[in-house]
PDB file of all heavy atoms in Angstrom:
ATOM      1  N   GLY A   1       0.786  -1.229   0.000  1.00  0.00           N
ATOM      2  CA  GLY A   1       0.000   0.000   0.000  1.00  0.00           C
ATOM      3  C   GLY A   1       0.809   1.265   0.000  1.00  0.00           C
ATOM      4  O   GLY A   1       0.250   2.355  -0.178  1.00  0.00           O
ATOM      5  N   PHE A   2       2.119   1.181   0.177  1.00  0.00           N
ATOM      6  CA  PHE A   2       2.958   2.374   0.222  1.00  0.00           C
ATOM      7  C   PHE A   2       3.633   2.573  -1.127  1.00  0.00           C
ATOM      8  O   PHE A   2       4.561   1.844  -1.486  1.00  0.00           O
ATOM      9  CB  PHE A   2       4.014   2.258   1.318  1.00  0.00           C
ATOM     10  CG  PHE A   2       3.446   2.245   2.720  1.00  0.00           C
ATOM     11  CD1 PHE A   2       4.073   1.529   3.717  1.00  0.00           C
ATOM     12  CD2 PHE A   2       2.293   2.939   3.027  1.00  0.00           C
ATOM     13  CE1 PHE A   2       3.563   1.511   5.015  1.00  0.00           C
ATOM     14  CE2 PHE A   2       1.766   2.930   4.319  1.00  0.00           C
ATOM     15  CZ  PHE A   2       2.402   2.220   5.306  1.00  0.00           C
ATOM     16  N   ALA A   3       3.157   3.556  -1.876  1.00  0.00           N
ATOM     17  CA  ALA A   3       3.695   3.872  -3.203  1.00  0.00           C
ATOM     18  C   ALA A   3       3.592   2.675  -4.133  1.00  0.00           C
ATOM     19  O   ALA A   3       4.521   2.359  -4.883  1.00  0.00           O
ATOM     20  CB  ALA A   3       5.138   4.369  -3.108  1.00  0.00           C
ATOM     21  N   LYS A   4       2.435   2.012  -4.093  1.00  0.00           N
ATOM     22  CA  LYS A   4       2.200   0.856  -4.952  1.00  0.00           C
ATOM     23  C   LYS A   4       0.738   0.829  -5.381  1.00  0.00           C
ATOM     24  O   LYS A   4      -0.153   1.127  -4.580  1.00  0.00           O
ATOM     25  CB  LYS A   4       2.562  -0.448  -4.227  1.00  0.00           C
ATOM     26  CG  LYS A   4       4.036  -0.540  -3.850  1.00  0.00           C
ATOM     27  CD  LYS A   4       4.337  -1.700  -2.962  1.00  0.00           C
ATOM     28  CE  LYS A   4       5.774  -1.634  -2.450  1.00  0.00           C
ATOM     29  NZ  LYS A   4       5.962  -0.616  -1.404  1.00  0.00           N
ATOM     30  N   THR A   5       0.498   0.426  -6.610  1.00  0.00           N
ATOM     31  CA  THR A   5      -0.856   0.256  -7.103  1.00  0.00           C
ATOM     32  C   THR A   5      -1.424  -1.060  -6.581  1.00  0.00           C
ATOM     33  O   THR A   5      -0.693  -1.900  -6.036  1.00  0.00           O
ATOM     34  CB  THR A   5      -0.879   0.227  -8.628  1.00  0.00           C
ATOM     35  OG1 THR A   5      -0.159  -0.941  -9.079  1.00  0.00           O
ATOM     36  CG2 THR A   5      -0.241   1.482  -9.227  1.00  0.00           C
ATOM     37  N   THR A   6      -2.712  -1.255  -6.794  1.00  0.00           N
ATOM     38  CA  THR A   6      -3.329  -2.520  -6.394  1.00  0.00           C
ATOM     39  C   THR A   6      -2.630  -3.694  -7.060  1.00  0.00           C
ATOM     40  O   THR A   6      -2.306  -4.703  -6.416  1.00  0.00           O
ATOM     41  CB  THR A   6      -4.826  -2.521  -6.742  1.00  0.00           C
ATOM     42  OG1 THR A   6      -5.474  -1.474  -6.009  1.00  0.00           O
ATOM     43  CG2 THR A   6      -5.467  -3.852  -6.390  1.00  0.00           C
ATOM     44  N   GLU A   7      -2.374  -3.579  -8.355  1.00  0.00           N
ATOM     45  CA  GLU A   7      -1.731  -4.668  -9.086  1.00  0.00           C
ATOM     46  C   GLU A   7      -0.326  -4.928  -8.556  1.00  0.00           C
ATOM     47  O   GLU A   7       0.106  -6.086  -8.436  1.00  0.00           O
ATOM     48  CB  GLU A   7      -1.677  -4.335 -10.586  1.00  0.00           C
ATOM     49  CG  GLU A   7      -3.029  -4.290 -11.278  1.00  0.00           C
ATOM     50  CD  GLU A   7      -3.842  -3.032 -10.950  1.00  0.00           C
ATOM     51  OE1 GLU A   7      -3.242  -2.037 -10.432  1.00  0.00           O
ATOM     52  OE2 GLU A   7      -5.070  -3.041 -11.188  1.00  0.00           O
ATOM     53  N   GLN A   8       0.399  -3.880  -8.226  1.00  0.00           N
ATOM     54  CA  GLN A   8       1.747  -4.043  -7.688  1.00  0.00           C
ATOM     55  C   GLN A   8       1.724  -4.699  -6.307  1.00  0.00           C
ATOM     56  O   GLN A   8       2.593  -5.507  -5.986  1.00  0.00           O
ATOM     57  CB  GLN A   8       2.442  -2.681  -7.626  1.00  0.00           C
ATOM     58  CG  GLN A   8       2.821  -2.142  -8.998  1.00  0.00           C
ATOM     59  CD  GLN A   8       3.173  -0.673  -8.987  1.00  0.00           C
ATOM     60  OE1 GLN A   8       2.925   0.038  -8.002  1.00  0.00           O
ATOM     61  NE2 GLN A   8       3.744  -0.196 -10.075  1.00  0.00           N
ATOM     62  N   ASN A   9       0.722  -4.376  -5.512  1.00  0.00           N
ATOM     63  CA  ASN A   9       0.591  -5.011  -4.204  1.00  0.00           C
ATOM     64  C   ASN A   9       0.410  -6.523  -4.344  1.00  0.00           C
ATOM     65  O   ASN A   9       0.979  -7.304  -3.568  1.00  0.00           O
ATOM     66  CB  ASN A   9      -0.593  -4.418  -3.440  1.00  0.00           C
ATOM     67  CG  ASN A   9      -0.288  -3.056  -2.860  1.00  0.00           C
ATOM     68  OD1 ASN A   9       0.789  -2.814  -2.328  1.00  0.00           O
ATOM     69  ND2 ASN A   9      -1.247  -2.150  -2.952  1.00  0.00           N
ATOM     70  N   TYR A  10      -0.371  -6.937  -5.335  1.00  0.00           N
ATOM     71  CA  TYR A  10      -0.581  -8.374  -5.525  1.00  0.00           C
ATOM     72  C   TYR A  10       0.667  -9.051  -6.090  1.00  0.00           C
ATOM     73  O   TYR A  10       0.959 -10.211  -5.744  1.00  0.00           O
ATOM     74  CB  TYR A  10      -1.813  -8.629  -6.395  1.00  0.00           C
ATOM     75  CG  TYR A  10      -3.081  -8.535  -5.584  1.00  0.00           C
ATOM     76  CD1 TYR A  10      -3.812  -7.361  -5.524  1.00  0.00           C
ATOM     77  CD2 TYR A  10      -3.520  -9.612  -4.813  1.00  0.00           C
ATOM     78  CE1 TYR A  10      -4.955  -7.250  -4.736  1.00  0.00           C
ATOM     79  CE2 TYR A  10      -4.651  -9.527  -4.026  1.00  0.00           C
ATOM     80  CZ  TYR A  10      -5.368  -8.341  -3.992  1.00  0.00           C
ATOM     81  OH  TYR A  10      -6.486  -8.245  -3.205  1.00  0.00           O
ATOM     82  N   GLU A  11       1.403  -8.364  -6.923  1.00  0.00           N
ATOM     83  CA  GLU A  11       2.679  -8.916  -7.382  1.00  0.00           C
ATOM     84  C   GLU A  11       3.622  -9.114  -6.196  1.00  0.00           C
ATOM     85  O   GLU A  11       4.290 -10.152  -6.067  1.00  0.00           O
ATOM     86  CB  GLU A  11       3.329  -7.989  -8.412  1.00  0.00           C
ATOM     87  CG  GLU A  11       4.684  -8.510  -8.892  1.00  0.00           C
ATOM     88  CD  GLU A  11       5.380  -7.581  -9.876  1.00  0.00           C
ATOM     89  OE1 GLU A  11       4.788  -6.565 -10.293  1.00  0.00           O
ATOM     90  OE2 GLU A  11       6.546  -7.883 -10.219  1.00  0.00           O
ATOM     91  N   LEU A  12       3.655  -8.116  -5.317  1.00  0.00           N
ATOM     92  CA  LEU A  12       4.495  -8.190  -4.122  1.00  0.00           C
ATOM     93  C   LEU A  12       4.093  -9.363  -3.236  1.00  0.00           C
ATOM     94  O   LEU A  12       4.951 -10.088  -2.713  1.00  0.00           O
ATOM     95  CB  LEU A  12       4.377  -6.873  -3.358  1.00  0.00           C
ATOM     96  CG  LEU A  12       5.387  -6.553  -2.268  1.00  0.00           C
ATOM     97  CD1 LEU A  12       6.799  -6.535  -2.823  1.00  0.00           C
ATOM     98  CD2 LEU A  12       5.044  -5.204  -1.636  1.00  0.00           C
ATOM     99  N   LEU A  13       2.797  -9.580  -3.093  1.00  0.00           N
ATOM    100  CA  LEU A  13       2.316 -10.698  -2.274  1.00  0.00           C
ATOM    101  C   LEU A  13       2.696 -12.041  -2.903  1.00  0.00           C
ATOM    102  O   LEU A  13       3.146 -12.961  -2.200  1.00  0.00           O
ATOM    103  CB  LEU A  13       0.798 -10.587  -2.108  1.00  0.00           C
ATOM    104  CG  LEU A  13       0.120 -11.659  -1.262  1.00  0.00           C
ATOM    105  CD1 LEU A  13       0.690 -11.694   0.152  1.00  0.00           C
ATOM    106  CD2 LEU A  13      -1.391 -11.409  -1.221  1.00  0.00           C
ATOM    107  N   ARG A  14       2.522 -12.158  -4.231  1.00  0.00           N
ATOM    108  CA  ARG A  14       2.875 -13.406  -4.913  1.00  0.00           C
ATOM    109  C   ARG A  14       4.357 -13.732  -4.773  1.00  0.00           C
ATOM    110  O   ARG A  14       4.747 -14.897  -4.697  1.00  0.00           O
ATOM    111  CB  ARG A  14       2.526 -13.314  -6.404  1.00  0.00           C
ATOM    112  CG  ARG A  14       1.061 -13.437  -6.738  1.00  0.00           C
ATOM    113  CD  ARG A  14       0.851 -13.645  -8.226  1.00  0.00           C
ATOM    114  NE  ARG A  14       1.388 -12.565  -9.033  1.00  0.00           N
ATOM    115  CZ  ARG A  14       0.716 -11.448  -9.337  1.00  0.00           C
ATOM    116  NH1 ARG A  14      -0.513 -11.274  -8.883  1.00  0.00           N
ATOM    117  NH2 ARG A  14       1.280 -10.520 -10.090  1.00  0.00           N
ATOM    118  N   LYS A  15       5.200 -12.688  -4.774  1.00  0.00           N
ATOM    119  CA  LYS A  15       6.649 -12.873  -4.786  1.00  0.00           C
ATOM    120  C   LYS A  15       7.290 -12.543  -3.431  1.00  0.00           C
ATOM    121  O   LYS A  15       8.501 -12.302  -3.354  1.00  0.00           O
ATOM    122  CB  LYS A  15       7.265 -12.000  -5.882  1.00  0.00           C
ATOM    123  CG  LYS A  15       6.751 -12.358  -7.275  1.00  0.00           C
ATOM    124  CD  LYS A  15       7.308 -11.433  -8.349  1.00  0.00           C
ATOM    125  CE  LYS A  15       6.784 -11.806  -9.729  1.00  0.00           C
ATOM    126  NZ  LYS A  15       7.276 -10.862 -10.782  1.00  0.00           N
ATOM    127  N   LEU A  16       6.499 -12.573  -2.374  1.00  0.00           N
ATOM    128  CA  LEU A  16       6.992 -12.198  -1.053  1.00  0.00           C
ATOM    129  C   LEU A  16       8.209 -13.035  -0.644  1.00  0.00           C
ATOM    130  O   LEU A  16       9.147 -12.531  -0.020  1.00  0.00           O
ATOM    131  CB  LEU A  16       5.879 -12.351  -0.015  1.00  0.00           C
ATOM    132  CG  LEU A  16       6.137 -11.782   1.381  1.00  0.00           C
ATOM    133  CD1 LEU A  16       6.336 -10.271   1.339  1.00  0.00           C
ATOM    134  CD2 LEU A  16       4.980 -12.145   2.314  1.00  0.00           C
ATOM    135  N   GLU A  17       8.206 -14.297  -1.013  1.00  0.00           N
ATOM    136  CA  GLU A  17       9.296 -15.186  -0.618  1.00  0.00           C
ATOM    137  C   GLU A  17      10.634 -14.761  -1.213  1.00  0.00           C
ATOM    138  O   GLU A  17      11.688 -15.180  -0.713  1.00  0.00           O
ATOM    139  CB  GLU A  17       8.978 -16.625  -1.007  1.00  0.00           C
ATOM    140  CG  GLU A  17       8.849 -16.859  -2.492  1.00  0.00           C
ATOM    141  CD  GLU A  17       8.468 -18.309  -2.806  1.00  0.00           C
ATOM    142  OE1 GLU A  17       8.440 -19.117  -1.870  1.00  0.00           O
ATOM    143  OE2 GLU A  17       8.203 -18.594  -3.989  1.00  0.00           O
ATOM    144  N   TYR A  18      10.627 -13.913  -2.246  1.00  0.00           N
ATOM    145  CA  TYR A  18      11.883 -13.419  -2.801  1.00  0.00           C
ATOM    146  C   TYR A  18      12.707 -12.712  -1.725  1.00  0.00           C
ATOM    147  O   TYR A  18      13.939 -12.717  -1.770  1.00  0.00           O
ATOM    148  CB  TYR A  18      11.627 -12.426  -3.945  1.00  0.00           C
ATOM    149  CG  TYR A  18      11.134 -13.018  -5.246  1.00  0.00           C
ATOM    150  CD1 TYR A  18      10.531 -14.271  -5.310  1.00  0.00           C
ATOM    151  CD2 TYR A  18      11.253 -12.301  -6.427  1.00  0.00           C
ATOM    152  CE1 TYR A  18      10.058 -14.789  -6.503  1.00  0.00           C
ATOM    153  CE2 TYR A  18      10.791 -12.818  -7.639  1.00  0.00           C
ATOM    154  CZ  TYR A  18      10.194 -14.061  -7.673  1.00  0.00           C
ATOM    155  OH  TYR A  18       9.731 -14.571  -8.857  1.00  0.00           O
ATOM    156  N   LEU A  19      12.015 -12.078  -0.760  1.00  0.00           N
ATOM    157  CA  LEU A  19      12.717 -11.324   0.281  1.00  0.00           C
ATOM    158  C   LEU A  19      13.512 -12.232   1.207  1.00  0.00           C
ATOM    159  O   LEU A  19      14.396 -11.768   1.933  1.00  0.00           O
ATOM    160  CB  LEU A  19      11.727 -10.498   1.100  1.00  0.00           C
ATOM    161  CG  LEU A  19      10.842  -9.496   0.347  1.00  0.00           C
ATOM    162  CD1 LEU A  19      10.068  -8.636   1.329  1.00  0.00           C
ATOM    163  CD2 LEU A  19      11.668  -8.620  -0.593  1.00  0.00           C
ATOM    164  N   LYS A  20      13.223 -13.531   1.184  1.00  0.00           N
ATOM    165  CA  LYS A  20      13.938 -14.471   2.039  1.00  0.00           C
ATOM    166  C   LYS A  20      15.420 -14.521   1.721  1.00  0.00           C
ATOM    167  O   LYS A  20      16.236 -14.956   2.544  1.00  0.00           O
ATOM    168  CB  LYS A  20      13.331 -15.870   1.910  1.00  0.00           C
ATOM    169  CG  LYS A  20      11.973 -16.035   2.572  1.00  0.00           C
ATOM    170  CD  LYS A  20      12.079 -15.923   4.083  1.00  0.00           C
ATOM    171  CE  LYS A  20      10.770 -16.208   4.771  1.00  0.00           C
ATOM    172  NZ  LYS A  20      10.877 -16.058   6.243  1.00  0.00           N
ATOM    173  N   VAL A  21      15.801 -14.073   0.523  1.00  0.00           N
ATOM    174  CA  VAL A  21      17.206 -14.086   0.148  1.00  0.00           C
ATOM    175  C   VAL A  21      18.034 -13.214   1.084  1.00  0.00           C
ATOM    176  O   VAL A  21      19.243 -13.421   1.240  1.00  0.00           O
ATOM    177  CB  VAL A  21      17.380 -13.625  -1.324  1.00  0.00           C
ATOM    178  CG1 VAL A  21      17.124 -12.133  -1.463  1.00  0.00           C
ATOM    179  CG2 VAL A  21      18.769 -13.969  -1.840  1.00  0.00           C
ATOM    180  N   LEU A  22      17.389 -12.250   1.749  1.00  0.00           N
ATOM    181  CA  LEU A  22      18.108 -11.365   2.669  1.00  0.00           C
ATOM    182  C   LEU A  22      18.298 -11.992   4.041  1.00  0.00           C
ATOM    183  O   LEU A  22      19.008 -11.440   4.890  1.00  0.00           O
ATOM    184  CB  LEU A  22      17.377 -10.026   2.792  1.00  0.00           C
ATOM    185  CG  LEU A  22      17.204  -9.250   1.480  1.00  0.00           C
ATOM    186  CD1 LEU A  22      16.489  -7.931   1.727  1.00  0.00           C
ATOM    187  CD2 LEU A  22      18.556  -8.998   0.830  1.00  0.00           C
ATOM    188  N   GLY A  23      17.654 -13.132   4.293  1.00  0.00           N
ATOM    189  CA  GLY A  23      17.872 -13.861   5.527  1.00  0.00           C
ATOM    190  C   GLY A  23      17.320 -13.200   6.770  1.00  0.00           C
ATOM    191  O   GLY A  23      17.837 -13.423   7.876  1.00  0.00           O
ATOM    192  N   LEU A  24      16.268 -12.416   6.634  1.00  0.00           N
ATOM    193  CA  LEU A  24      15.695 -11.684   7.770  1.00  0.00           C
ATOM    194  C   LEU A  24      14.200 -11.954   7.873  1.00  0.00           C
ATOM    195  O   LEU A  24      13.545 -12.303   6.880  1.00  0.00           O
ATOM    196  CB  LEU A  24      15.928 -10.182   7.593  1.00  0.00           C
ATOM    197  CG  LEU A  24      17.402  -9.741   7.589  1.00  0.00           C
ATOM    198  CD1 LEU A  24      17.515  -8.288   7.133  1.00  0.00           C
ATOM    199  CD2 LEU A  24      18.029  -9.928   8.962  1.00  0.00           C
ATOM    200  N   PRO A  25      13.609 -11.786   9.071  1.00  0.00           N
ATOM    201  CA  PRO A  25      12.163 -11.974   9.220  1.00  0.00           C
ATOM    202  C   PRO A  25      11.390 -10.966   8.375  1.00  0.00           C
ATOM    203  O   PRO A  25      11.863  -9.847   8.116  1.00  0.00           O
ATOM    204  CB  PRO A  25      11.926 -11.724  10.721  1.00  0.00           C
ATOM    205  CG  PRO A  25      13.262 -11.841  11.361  1.00  0.00           C
ATOM    206  CD  PRO A  25      14.269 -11.435  10.340  1.00  0.00           C
ATOM    207  N   ILE A  26      10.174 -11.372   7.990  1.00  0.00           N
ATOM    208  CA  ILE A  26       9.321 -10.534   7.136  1.00  0.00           C
ATOM    209  C   ILE A  26       8.024 -10.222   7.869  1.00  0.00           C
ATOM    210  O   ILE A  26       7.375 -11.120   8.417  1.00  0.00           O
ATOM    211  CB  ILE A  26       9.016 -11.249   5.807  1.00  0.00           C
ATOM    212  CG1 ILE A  26      10.302 -11.492   5.031  1.00  0.00           C
ATOM    213  CG2 ILE A  26       8.023 -10.439   4.974  1.00  0.00           C
ATOM    214  CD1 ILE A  26      10.122 -12.396   3.814  1.00  0.00           C
ATOM    215  N   LEU A  27       7.657  -8.967   7.854  1.00  0.00           N
ATOM    216  CA  LEU A  27       6.374  -8.515   8.404  1.00  0.00           C
ATOM    217  C   LEU A  27       5.439  -8.180   7.250  1.00  0.00           C
ATOM    218  O   LEU A  27       5.852  -7.526   6.284  1.00  0.00           O
ATOM    219  CB  LEU A  27       6.579  -7.291   9.296  1.00  0.00           C
ATOM    220  CG  LEU A  27       5.342  -6.683   9.956  1.00  0.00           C
ATOM    221  CD1 LEU A  27       5.712  -6.090  11.319  1.00  0.00           C
ATOM    222  CD2 LEU A  27       4.699  -5.590   9.101  1.00  0.00           C
ATOM    223  N   ALA A  28       4.188  -8.618   7.347  1.00  0.00           N
ATOM    224  CA  ALA A  28       3.179  -8.299   6.329  1.00  0.00           C
ATOM    225  C   ALA A  28       2.068  -7.465   6.961  1.00  0.00           C
ATOM    226  O   ALA A  28       1.395  -7.919   7.883  1.00  0.00           O
ATOM    227  CB  ALA A  28       2.607  -9.575   5.728  1.00  0.00           C
ATOM    228  N   GLY A  29       1.897  -6.253   6.460  1.00  0.00           N
ATOM    229  CA  GLY A  29       0.822  -5.376   6.915  1.00  0.00           C
ATOM    230  C   GLY A  29      -0.227  -5.250   5.825  1.00  0.00           C
ATOM    231  O   GLY A  29      -0.125  -4.410   4.924  1.00  0.00           O
ATOM    232  N   LEU A  30      -1.235  -6.110   5.902  1.00  0.00           N
ATOM    233  CA  LEU A  30      -2.270  -6.182   4.859  1.00  0.00           C
ATOM    234  C   LEU A  30      -3.649  -5.759   5.367  1.00  0.00           C
ATOM    235  O   LEU A  30      -4.572  -5.581   4.574  1.00  0.00           O
ATOM    236  CB  LEU A  30      -2.362  -7.618   4.334  1.00  0.00           C
ATOM    237  CG  LEU A  30      -1.120  -8.160   3.632  1.00  0.00           C
ATOM    238  CD1 LEU A  30      -1.089  -9.679   3.710  1.00  0.00           C
ATOM    239  CD2 LEU A  30      -1.083  -7.704   2.186  1.00  0.00           C
ATOM    240  N   SER A  31      -3.773  -5.606   6.659  1.00  0.00           N
ATOM    241  CA  SER A  31      -5.074  -5.513   7.301  1.00  0.00           C
ATOM    242  C   SER A  31      -5.957  -4.384   6.770  1.00  0.00           C
ATOM    243  O   SER A  31      -5.609  -3.209   6.879  1.00  0.00           O
ATOM    244  CB  SER A  31      -4.870  -5.326   8.809  1.00  0.00           C
ATOM    245  OG  SER A  31      -6.086  -5.383   9.501  1.00  0.00           O
ATOM    246  N   ARG A  32      -7.090  -4.785   6.152  1.00  0.00           N
ATOM    247  CA  ARG A  32      -8.149  -3.875   5.710  1.00  0.00           C
ATOM    248  C   ARG A  32      -7.664  -2.791   4.729  1.00  0.00           C
ATOM    249  O   ARG A  32      -8.238  -1.707   4.656  1.00  0.00           O
ATOM    250  CB  ARG A  32      -8.834  -3.231   6.927  1.00  0.00           C
ATOM    251  CG  ARG A  32      -9.488  -4.262   7.860  1.00  0.00           C
ATOM    252  CD  ARG A  32     -10.158  -3.623   9.054  1.00  0.00           C
ATOM    253  NE  ARG A  32     -10.730  -4.625   9.949  1.00  0.00           N
ATOM    254  CZ  ARG A  32     -11.975  -5.076   9.901  1.00  0.00           C
ATOM    255  NH1 ARG A  32     -12.801  -4.621   8.981  1.00  0.00           N
ATOM    256  NH2 ARG A  32     -12.410  -5.978  10.762  1.00  0.00           N
ATOM    257  N   LYS A  33      -6.608  -3.081   3.980  1.00  0.00           N
ATOM    258  CA  LYS A  33      -6.041  -2.082   3.075  1.00  0.00           C
ATOM    259  C   LYS A  33      -6.799  -2.018   1.753  1.00  0.00           C
ATOM    260  O   LYS A  33      -7.623  -2.869   1.434  1.00  0.00           O
ATOM    261  CB  LYS A  33      -4.556  -2.371   2.846  1.00  0.00           C
ATOM    262  CG  LYS A  33      -3.709  -2.023   4.061  1.00  0.00           C
ATOM    263  CD  LYS A  33      -2.230  -2.049   3.780  1.00  0.00           C
ATOM    264  CE  LYS A  33      -1.443  -1.489   4.976  1.00  0.00           C
ATOM    265  NZ  LYS A  33       0.013  -1.532   4.729  1.00  0.00           N
ATOM    266  N   SER A  34      -6.455  -0.991   0.969  1.00  0.00           N
ATOM    267  CA  SER A  34      -7.191  -0.734  -0.272  1.00  0.00           C
ATOM    268  C   SER A  34      -7.012  -1.840  -1.296  1.00  0.00           C
ATOM    269  O   SER A  34      -7.849  -1.989  -2.193  1.00  0.00           O
ATOM    270  CB  SER A  34      -6.767   0.607  -0.873  1.00  0.00           C
ATOM    271  OG  SER A  34      -5.395   0.584  -1.249  1.00  0.00           O
ATOM    272  N   MET A  35      -5.941  -2.630  -1.204  1.00  0.00           N
ATOM    273  CA  MET A  35      -5.782  -3.748  -2.143  1.00  0.00           C
ATOM    274  C   MET A  35      -6.865  -4.802  -1.924  1.00  0.00           C
ATOM    275  O   MET A  35      -7.067  -5.664  -2.771  1.00  0.00           O
ATOM    276  CB  MET A  35      -4.395  -4.369  -2.010  1.00  0.00           C
ATOM    277  CG  MET A  35      -4.106  -5.022  -0.679  1.00  0.00           C
ATOM    278  SD  MET A  35      -2.396  -5.653  -0.526  1.00  0.00           S
ATOM    279  CE  MET A  35      -2.409  -7.038  -1.666  1.00  0.00           C
ATOM    280  N   ILE A  36      -7.556  -4.714  -0.798  1.00  0.00           N
ATOM    281  CA  ILE A  36      -8.713  -5.566  -0.522  1.00  0.00           C
ATOM    282  C   ILE A  36     -10.006  -4.834  -0.856  1.00  0.00           C
ATOM    283  O   ILE A  36     -10.884  -5.367  -1.543  1.00  0.00           O
ATOM    284  CB  ILE A  36      -8.730  -5.992   0.960  1.00  0.00           C
ATOM    285  CG1 ILE A  36      -7.448  -6.753   1.304  1.00  0.00           C
ATOM    286  CG2 ILE A  36      -9.968  -6.812   1.289  1.00  0.00           C
ATOM    287  CD1 ILE A  36      -7.192  -6.892   2.791  1.00  0.00           C
ATOM    288  N   THR A  37     -10.136  -3.618  -0.390  1.00  0.00           N
ATOM    289  CA  THR A  37     -11.412  -2.906  -0.534  1.00  0.00           C
ATOM    290  C   THR A  37     -11.715  -2.481  -1.963  1.00  0.00           C
ATOM    291  O   THR A  37     -12.873  -2.507  -2.380  1.00  0.00           O
ATOM    292  CB  THR A  37     -11.434  -1.670   0.386  1.00  0.00           C
ATOM    293  OG1 THR A  37     -10.356  -0.772   0.021  1.00  0.00           O
ATOM    294  CG2 THR A  37     -11.277  -2.074   1.850  1.00  0.00           C
ATOM    295  N   ARG A  38     -10.696  -2.125  -2.735  1.00  0.00           N
ATOM    296  CA  ARG A  38     -10.951  -1.644  -4.094  1.00  0.00           C
ATOM    297  C   ARG A  38     -11.446  -2.745  -5.026  1.00  0.00           C
ATOM    298  O   ARG A  38     -12.463  -2.559  -5.713  1.00  0.00           O
ATOM    299  CB  ARG A  38      -9.703  -0.965  -4.652  1.00  0.00           C
ATOM    300  CG  ARG A  38      -9.470   0.418  -4.058  1.00  0.00           C
ATOM    301  CD  ARG A  38      -8.217   1.062  -4.589  1.00  0.00           C
ATOM    302  NE  ARG A  38      -7.987   2.373  -3.986  1.00  0.00           N
ATOM    303  CZ  ARG A  38      -6.852   3.042  -4.067  1.00  0.00           C
ATOM    304  NH1 ARG A  38      -5.831   2.527  -4.751  1.00  0.00           N
ATOM    305  NH2 ARG A  38      -6.724   4.217  -3.486  1.00  0.00           N
ATOM    306  N   PRO A  39     -10.780  -3.894  -5.105  1.00  0.00           N
ATOM    307  CA  PRO A  39     -11.303  -4.944  -5.999  1.00  0.00           C
ATOM    308  C   PRO A  39     -12.699  -5.413  -5.616  1.00  0.00           C
ATOM    309  O   PRO A  39     -13.491  -5.816  -6.485  1.00  0.00           O
ATOM    310  CB  PRO A  39     -10.283  -6.081  -5.856  1.00  0.00           C
ATOM    311  CG  PRO A  39      -9.034  -5.433  -5.396  1.00  0.00           C
ATOM    312  CD  PRO A  39      -9.480  -4.297  -4.520  1.00  0.00           C
ATOM    313  N   LEU A  40     -13.008  -5.379  -4.312  1.00  0.00           N
ATOM    314  CA  LEU A  40     -14.306  -5.865  -3.841  1.00  0.00           C
ATOM    315  C   LEU A  40     -15.357  -4.760  -3.754  1.00  0.00           C
ATOM    316  O   LEU A  40     -16.534  -5.045  -3.499  1.00  0.00           O
ATOM    317  CB  LEU A  40     -14.145  -6.527  -2.463  1.00  0.00           C
ATOM    318  CG  LEU A  40     -13.230  -7.754  -2.423  1.00  0.00           C
ATOM    319  CD1 LEU A  40     -13.074  -8.243  -0.984  1.00  0.00           C
ATOM    320  CD2 LEU A  40     -13.764  -8.865  -3.311  1.00  0.00           C
ATOM    321  N   ASN A  41     -14.912  -3.510  -3.936  1.00  0.00           N
ATOM    322  CA  ASN A  41     -15.819  -2.362  -3.830  1.00  0.00           C
ATOM    323  C   ASN A  41     -16.555  -2.360  -2.483  1.00  0.00           C
ATOM    324  O   ASN A  41     -17.774  -2.283  -2.416  1.00  0.00           O
ATOM    325  CB  ASN A  41     -16.832  -2.352  -4.984  1.00  0.00           C
ATOM    326  CG  ASN A  41     -17.562  -1.019  -5.083  1.00  0.00           C
ATOM    327  OD1 ASN A  41     -17.039   0.034  -4.694  1.00  0.00           O
ATOM    328  ND2 ASN A  41     -18.787  -1.052  -5.594  1.00  0.00           N
ATOM    329  N   ILE A  42     -15.770  -2.451  -1.419  1.00  0.00           N
ATOM    330  CA  ILE A  42     -16.313  -2.472  -0.064  1.00  0.00           C
ATOM    331  C   ILE A  42     -15.566  -1.455   0.789  1.00  0.00           C
ATOM    332  O   ILE A  42     -14.544  -0.892   0.378  1.00  0.00           O
ATOM    333  CB  ILE A  42     -16.186  -3.865   0.593  1.00  0.00           C
ATOM    334  CG1 ILE A  42     -14.721  -4.315   0.636  1.00  0.00           C
ATOM    335  CG2 ILE A  42     -17.037  -4.895  -0.170  1.00  0.00           C
ATOM    336  CD1 ILE A  42     -14.474  -5.606   1.375  1.00  0.00           C
ATOM    337  N   SER A  43     -16.065  -1.238   2.001  1.00  0.00           N
ATOM    338  CA  SER A  43     -15.406  -0.335   2.942  1.00  0.00           C
ATOM    339  C   SER A  43     -14.419  -1.130   3.802  1.00  0.00           C
ATOM    340  O   SER A  43     -14.520  -2.368   3.892  1.00  0.00           O
ATOM    341  CB  SER A  43     -16.444   0.321   3.848  1.00  0.00           C
ATOM    342  OG  SER A  43     -16.988  -0.637   4.746  1.00  0.00           O
TER     343      SER A  43
END
């Protein structure tokens, strides 16, 4: 959701495991964001 379009957010989610190459824990902040509300046209 930070400087990313809806489509880019989904690409990031699909390829999240790519970040494992850095060998560090990953945090996902997806809760109630626009990448959910916009495709579904909900609040």
